[in-house]
Amino acid sequence: MRYLRRSPRLGVRRRRETLVIRPGFTYGPHPNSFAEGLRRITTTLGALVDGGSARQSITSVDDLARLVAHIAADELHHDDRGNRMNWSTGEPKTIGELISSLCSLVPADLGALTYEQAAAKALHVGLTERTLNLVGTEHTFDSGSNRAETGI
């Protein structure tokens, strides 16, 4: 998507590209963060799906804010301007690792269910298939070149 921006100094319009940022699951100090969703889903199930082995690309709200600041200051010269940028911080983490590091209120003695067992239980405890997919399926992408360019 393109838009025109008027430059007050020059009195002319210059073409700018729109960049859509697609962050990995976002966590931070707010009640709707990915970490809170993980806590709610796993405690509702009472178990980790497939032992918590599904990997997720994640980013902190602070790192996402730093990225937006880089873009706003035109410090990021991304080849895909006009397209999209997948963004995550660090390497993907397993659900088990994320729960250990981000979800202090999750009991340590969670059981384990296969994805099929978790899907059957989810119906009875009010979780949708989409919700179960968040903790039982990998959601990863590589944003290494973007991280190298920004230093975030």
C-alpha atoms as a PDB file:
ATOM      1  CA  MET A   1       0.000   0.000   0.000  1.00  0.00           C
ATOM      2  CA  ARG A   2       1.318   3.432  -0.797  1.00  0.00           C
ATOM      3  CA  TYR A   3       0.397   6.855   0.412  1.00  0.00           C
ATOM      4  CA  LEU A   4       1.587  10.348  -0.374  1.00  0.00           C
ATOM      5  CA  ARG A   5       2.945  12.606   2.347  1.00  0.00           C
ATOM      6  CA  ARG A   6       3.259  16.348   1.925  1.00  0.00           C
ATOM      7  CA  SER A   7       6.629  17.720   2.921  1.00  0.00           C
ATOM      8  CA  PRO A   8       6.054  21.145   4.545  1.00  0.00           C
ATOM      9  CA  ARG A   9       9.572  22.342   3.658  1.00  0.00           C
ATOM     10  CA  LEU A  10       9.413  21.439   0.010  1.00  0.00           C
ATOM     11  CA  GLY A  11       5.721  21.827  -0.637  1.00  0.00           C
ATOM     12  CA  VAL A  12       5.794  18.610  -2.651  1.00  0.00           C
ATOM     13  CA  ARG A  13       4.447  15.172  -2.149  1.00  0.00           C
ATOM     14  CA  ARG A  14       6.745  12.232  -1.798  1.00  0.00           C
ATOM     15  CA  ARG A  15       5.781   8.614  -2.053  1.00  0.00           C
ATOM     16  CA  ARG A  16       6.077   6.480   1.090  1.00  0.00           C
ATOM     17  CA  GLU A  17       5.641   2.763   1.424  1.00  0.00           C
ATOM     18  CA  THR A  18       3.577   1.057   4.087  1.00  0.00           C
ATOM     19  CA  LEU A  19       5.237  -1.694   6.066  1.00  0.00           C
ATOM     20  CA  VAL A  20       3.047  -4.176   7.930  1.00  0.00           C
ATOM     21  CA  ILE A  21       4.762  -5.581  11.025  1.00  0.00           C
ATOM     22  CA  ARG A  22       3.676  -9.107  11.915  1.00  0.00           C
ATOM     23  CA  PRO A  23       5.078  -9.808  15.384  1.00  0.00           C
ATOM     24  CA  GLY A  24       5.368 -13.225  16.931  1.00  0.00           C
ATOM     25  CA  PHE A  25       3.215 -13.816  19.966  1.00  0.00           C
ATOM     26  CA  THR A  26       3.631 -10.730  22.138  1.00  0.00           C
ATOM     27  CA  TYR A  27       4.200 -10.781  25.872  1.00  0.00           C
ATOM     28  CA  GLY A  28       4.512  -8.023  28.412  1.00  0.00           C
ATOM     29  CA  PRO A  29       2.914  -6.515  31.488  1.00  0.00           C
ATOM     30  CA  HIS A  30      -0.670  -6.401  30.277  1.00  0.00           C
ATOM     31  CA  PRO A  31      -3.622  -8.715  30.950  1.00  0.00           C
ATOM     32  CA  ASN A  32      -4.111  -9.758  27.311  1.00  0.00           C
ATOM     33  CA  SER A  33      -0.548 -10.855  26.662  1.00  0.00           C
ATOM     34  CA  PHE A  34       0.386 -14.193  25.162  1.00  0.00           C
ATOM     35  CA  ALA A  35       1.741 -15.289  28.563  1.00  0.00           C
ATOM     36  CA  GLU A  36      -1.668 -14.787  30.175  1.00  0.00           C
ATOM     37  CA  GLY A  37      -3.280 -16.803  27.382  1.00  0.00           C
ATOM     38  CA  LEU A  38      -0.757 -19.610  27.907  1.00  0.00           C
ATOM     39  CA  ARG A  39      -1.490 -19.614  31.630  1.00  0.00           C
ATOM     40  CA  ARG A  40      -5.248 -19.733  31.092  1.00  0.00           C
ATOM     41  CA  ILE A  41      -5.155 -22.461  28.425  1.00  0.00           C
ATOM     42  CA  THR A  42      -2.746 -24.771  30.274  1.00  0.00           C
ATOM     43  CA  THR A  43      -4.447 -24.406  33.663  1.00  0.00           C
ATOM     44  CA  THR A  44      -7.854 -24.985  32.045  1.00  0.00           C
ATOM     45  CA  LEU A  45      -6.545 -28.150  30.397  1.00  0.00           C
ATOM     46  CA  GLY A  46      -4.537 -29.083  33.489  1.00  0.00           C
ATOM     47  CA  ALA A  47      -1.822 -30.320  31.150  1.00  0.00           C
ATOM     48  CA  LEU A  48       0.767 -29.460  28.541  1.00  0.00           C
ATOM     49  CA  VAL A  49      -0.084 -30.509  24.991  1.00  0.00           C
ATOM     50  CA  ASP A  50       2.506 -32.987  23.719  1.00  0.00           C
ATOM     51  CA  GLY A  51       4.694 -32.178  26.705  1.00  0.00           C
ATOM     52  CA  GLY A  52       4.895 -28.490  25.747  1.00  0.00           C
ATOM     53  CA  SER A  53       7.078 -29.254  22.720  1.00  0.00           C
ATOM     54  CA  ALA A  54       5.436 -26.886  20.199  1.00  0.00           C
ATOM     55  CA  ARG A  55       7.737 -23.952  19.432  1.00  0.00           C
ATOM     56  CA  GLN A  56       6.568 -20.332  19.179  1.00  0.00           C
ATOM     57  CA  SER A  57       8.150 -17.153  17.824  1.00  0.00           C
ATOM     58  CA  ILE A  58       7.668 -14.457  20.447  1.00  0.00           C
ATOM     59  CA  THR A  59       8.536 -10.828  21.100  1.00  0.00           C
ATOM     60  CA  SER A  60       8.288  -8.539  24.085  1.00  0.00           C
ATOM     61  CA  VAL A  61       6.186  -5.384  23.874  1.00  0.00           C
ATOM     62  CA  ASP A  62       9.351  -3.399  24.654  1.00  0.00           C
ATOM     63  CA  ASP A  63      11.224  -4.890  21.676  1.00  0.00           C
ATOM     64  CA  LEU A  64       8.228  -4.294  19.429  1.00  0.00           C
ATOM     65  CA  ALA A  65       8.130  -0.645  20.544  1.00  0.00           C
ATOM     66  CA  ARG A  66      11.860  -0.293  19.779  1.00  0.00           C
ATOM     67  CA  LEU A  67      11.260  -1.711  16.295  1.00  0.00           C
ATOM     68  CA  VAL A  68       8.452   0.768  15.624  1.00  0.00           C
ATOM     69  CA  ALA A  69      10.736   3.601  16.804  1.00  0.00           C
ATOM     70  CA  HIS A  70      13.458   2.441  14.365  1.00  0.00           C
ATOM     71  CA  ILE A  71      10.958   2.427  11.510  1.00  0.00           C
ATOM     72  CA  ALA A  72       9.479   5.808  12.469  1.00  0.00           C
ATOM     73  CA  ALA A  73      12.968   7.341  12.542  1.00  0.00           C
ATOM     74  CA  ASP A  74      13.719   5.819   9.121  1.00  0.00           C
ATOM     75  CA  GLU A  75      16.626   3.949  10.711  1.00  0.00           C
ATOM     76  CA  LEU A  76      15.450   0.696   9.193  1.00  0.00           C
ATOM     77  CA  HIS A  77      16.083   0.270   5.502  1.00  0.00           C
ATOM     78  CA  HIS A  78      14.103  -2.862   4.952  1.00  0.00           C
ATOM     79  CA  ASP A  79      14.032  -4.348   1.451  1.00  0.00           C
ATOM     80  CA  ASP A  80      10.404  -5.315   1.854  1.00  0.00           C
ATOM     81  CA  ARG A  81       9.007  -1.824   2.413  1.00  0.00           C
ATOM     82  CA  GLY A  82       5.552  -1.903   0.953  1.00  0.00           C
ATOM     83  CA  ASN A  83       5.134  -5.486   2.100  1.00  0.00           C
ATOM     84  CA  ARG A  84       5.308  -7.154   5.492  1.00  0.00           C
ATOM     85  CA  MET A  85       7.940  -7.874   8.096  1.00  0.00           C
ATOM     86  CA  ASN A  86       7.711 -10.913  10.333  1.00  0.00           C
ATOM     87  CA  TRP A  87       9.217 -10.025  13.688  1.00  0.00           C
ATOM     88  CA  SER A  88      10.276 -12.011  16.739  1.00  0.00           C
ATOM     89  CA  THR A  89      12.879 -11.646  19.432  1.00  0.00           C
ATOM     90  CA  GLY A  90      15.454 -14.419  19.673  1.00  0.00           C
ATOM     91  CA  GLU A  91      15.008 -18.023  18.676  1.00  0.00           C
ATOM     92  CA  PRO A  92      11.623 -19.746  18.974  1.00  0.00           C
ATOM     93  CA  LYS A  93      10.896 -21.218  22.403  1.00  0.00           C
ATOM     94  CA  THR A  94       8.878 -24.279  23.307  1.00  0.00           C
ATOM     95  CA  ILE A  95       5.580 -23.872  25.131  1.00  0.00           C
ATOM     96  CA  GLY A  96       7.194 -25.640  28.103  1.00  0.00           C
ATOM     97  CA  GLU A  97      10.051 -23.093  28.177  1.00  0.00           C
ATOM     98  CA  LEU A  98       7.627 -20.189  27.852  1.00  0.00           C
ATOM     99  CA  ILE A  99       5.443 -21.412  30.675  1.00  0.00           C
ATOM    100  CA  SER A 100       8.501 -21.886  32.919  1.00  0.00           C
ATOM    101  CA  SER A 101       9.846 -18.408  32.219  1.00  0.00           C
ATOM    102  CA  LEU A 102       6.711 -16.279  31.730  1.00  0.00           C
ATOM    103  CA  CYS A 103       3.875 -17.904  33.659  1.00  0.00           C
ATOM    104  CA  SER A 104       4.689 -17.917  37.353  1.00  0.00           C
ATOM    105  CA  LEU A 105       1.130 -18.864  38.370  1.00  0.00           C
ATOM    106  CA  VAL A 106       1.014 -22.142  36.419  1.00  0.00           C
ATOM    107  CA  PRO A 107       1.308 -25.195  38.690  1.00  0.00           C
ATOM    108  CA  ALA A 108       4.553 -27.128  38.286  1.00  0.00           C
ATOM    109  CA  ASP A 109       2.725 -30.479  38.359  1.00  0.00           C
ATOM    110  CA  LEU A 110       0.829 -30.148  35.080  1.00  0.00           C
ATOM    111  CA  GLY A 111       0.007 -33.385  33.358  1.00  0.00           C
ATOM    112  CA  ALA A 112       0.641 -34.169  29.696  1.00  0.00           C
ATOM    113  CA  LEU A 113      -1.866 -34.852  26.925  1.00  0.00           C
ATOM    114  CA  THR A 114      -1.419 -35.714  23.276  1.00  0.00           C
ATOM    115  CA  TYR A 115      -2.926 -33.197  20.871  1.00  0.00           C
ATOM    116  CA  GLU A 116      -5.838 -35.577  20.215  1.00  0.00           C
ATOM    117  CA  GLN A 117      -6.501 -36.042  23.954  1.00  0.00           C
ATOM    118  CA  ALA A 118      -6.275 -32.274  24.496  1.00  0.00           C
ATOM    119  CA  ALA A 119      -8.722 -31.668  21.616  1.00  0.00           C
ATOM    120  CA  ALA A 120     -11.261 -34.032  23.181  1.00  0.00           C
ATOM    121  CA  LYS A 121     -10.853 -32.416  26.617  1.00  0.00           C
ATOM    122  CA  ALA A 122     -10.967 -28.876  25.179  1.00  0.00           C
ATOM    123  CA  LEU A 123     -14.562 -29.410  24.037  1.00  0.00           C
ATOM    124  CA  HIS A 124     -15.596 -30.211  27.615  1.00  0.00           C
ATOM    125  CA  VAL A 125     -13.775 -27.310  29.281  1.00  0.00           C
ATOM    126  CA  GLY A 126     -14.831 -24.550  26.862  1.00  0.00           C
ATOM    127  CA  LEU A 127     -11.683 -24.173  24.755  1.00  0.00           C
ATOM    128  CA  THR A 128     -11.956 -23.837  20.993  1.00  0.00           C
ATOM    129  CA  GLU A 129      -9.814 -25.682  18.462  1.00  0.00           C
ATOM    130  CA  ARG A 130      -8.160 -22.362  17.593  1.00  0.00           C
ATOM    131  CA  THR A 131      -7.252 -21.800  21.240  1.00  0.00           C
ATOM    132  CA  LEU A 132      -5.805 -25.285  21.505  1.00  0.00           C
ATOM    133  CA  ASN A 133      -3.831 -24.641  18.312  1.00  0.00           C
ATOM    134  CA  LEU A 134      -1.981 -21.798  20.093  1.00  0.00           C
ATOM    135  CA  VAL A 135      -0.340 -24.215  22.536  1.00  0.00           C
ATOM    136  CA  GLY A 136      -0.269 -27.408  20.496  1.00  0.00           C
ATOM    137  CA  THR A 137       1.035 -26.327  17.077  1.00  0.00           C
ATOM    138  CA  GLU A 138       4.282 -24.611  16.105  1.00  0.00           C
ATOM    139  CA  HIS A 139       4.067 -20.968  15.051  1.00  0.00           C
ATOM    140  CA  THR A 140       7.565 -19.938  14.021  1.00  0.00           C
ATOM    141  CA  PHE A 141       9.399 -17.817  11.512  1.00  0.00           C
ATOM    142  CA  ASP A 142      12.929 -16.527  11.047  1.00  0.00           C
ATOM    143  CA  SER A 143      13.429 -12.810  11.581  1.00  0.00           C
ATOM    144  CA  GLY A 144      17.196 -13.039  12.079  1.00  0.00           C
ATOM    145  CA  SER A 145      18.110 -10.628   9.291  1.00  0.00           C
ATOM    146  CA  ASN A 146      15.673  -8.051  10.687  1.00  0.00           C
ATOM    147  CA  ARG A 147      17.136  -8.442  14.175  1.00  0.00           C
ATOM    148  CA  ALA A 148      20.671  -8.081  12.795  1.00  0.00           C
ATOM    149  CA  GLU A 149      19.719  -4.871  10.997  1.00  0.00           C
ATOM    150  CA  THR A 150      18.066  -3.266  14.037  1.00  0.00           C
ATOM    151  CA  GLY A 151      20.217  -4.689  16.829  1.00  0.00           C
ATOM    152  CA  ILE A 152      17.055  -5.561  18.770  1.00  0.00           C
END
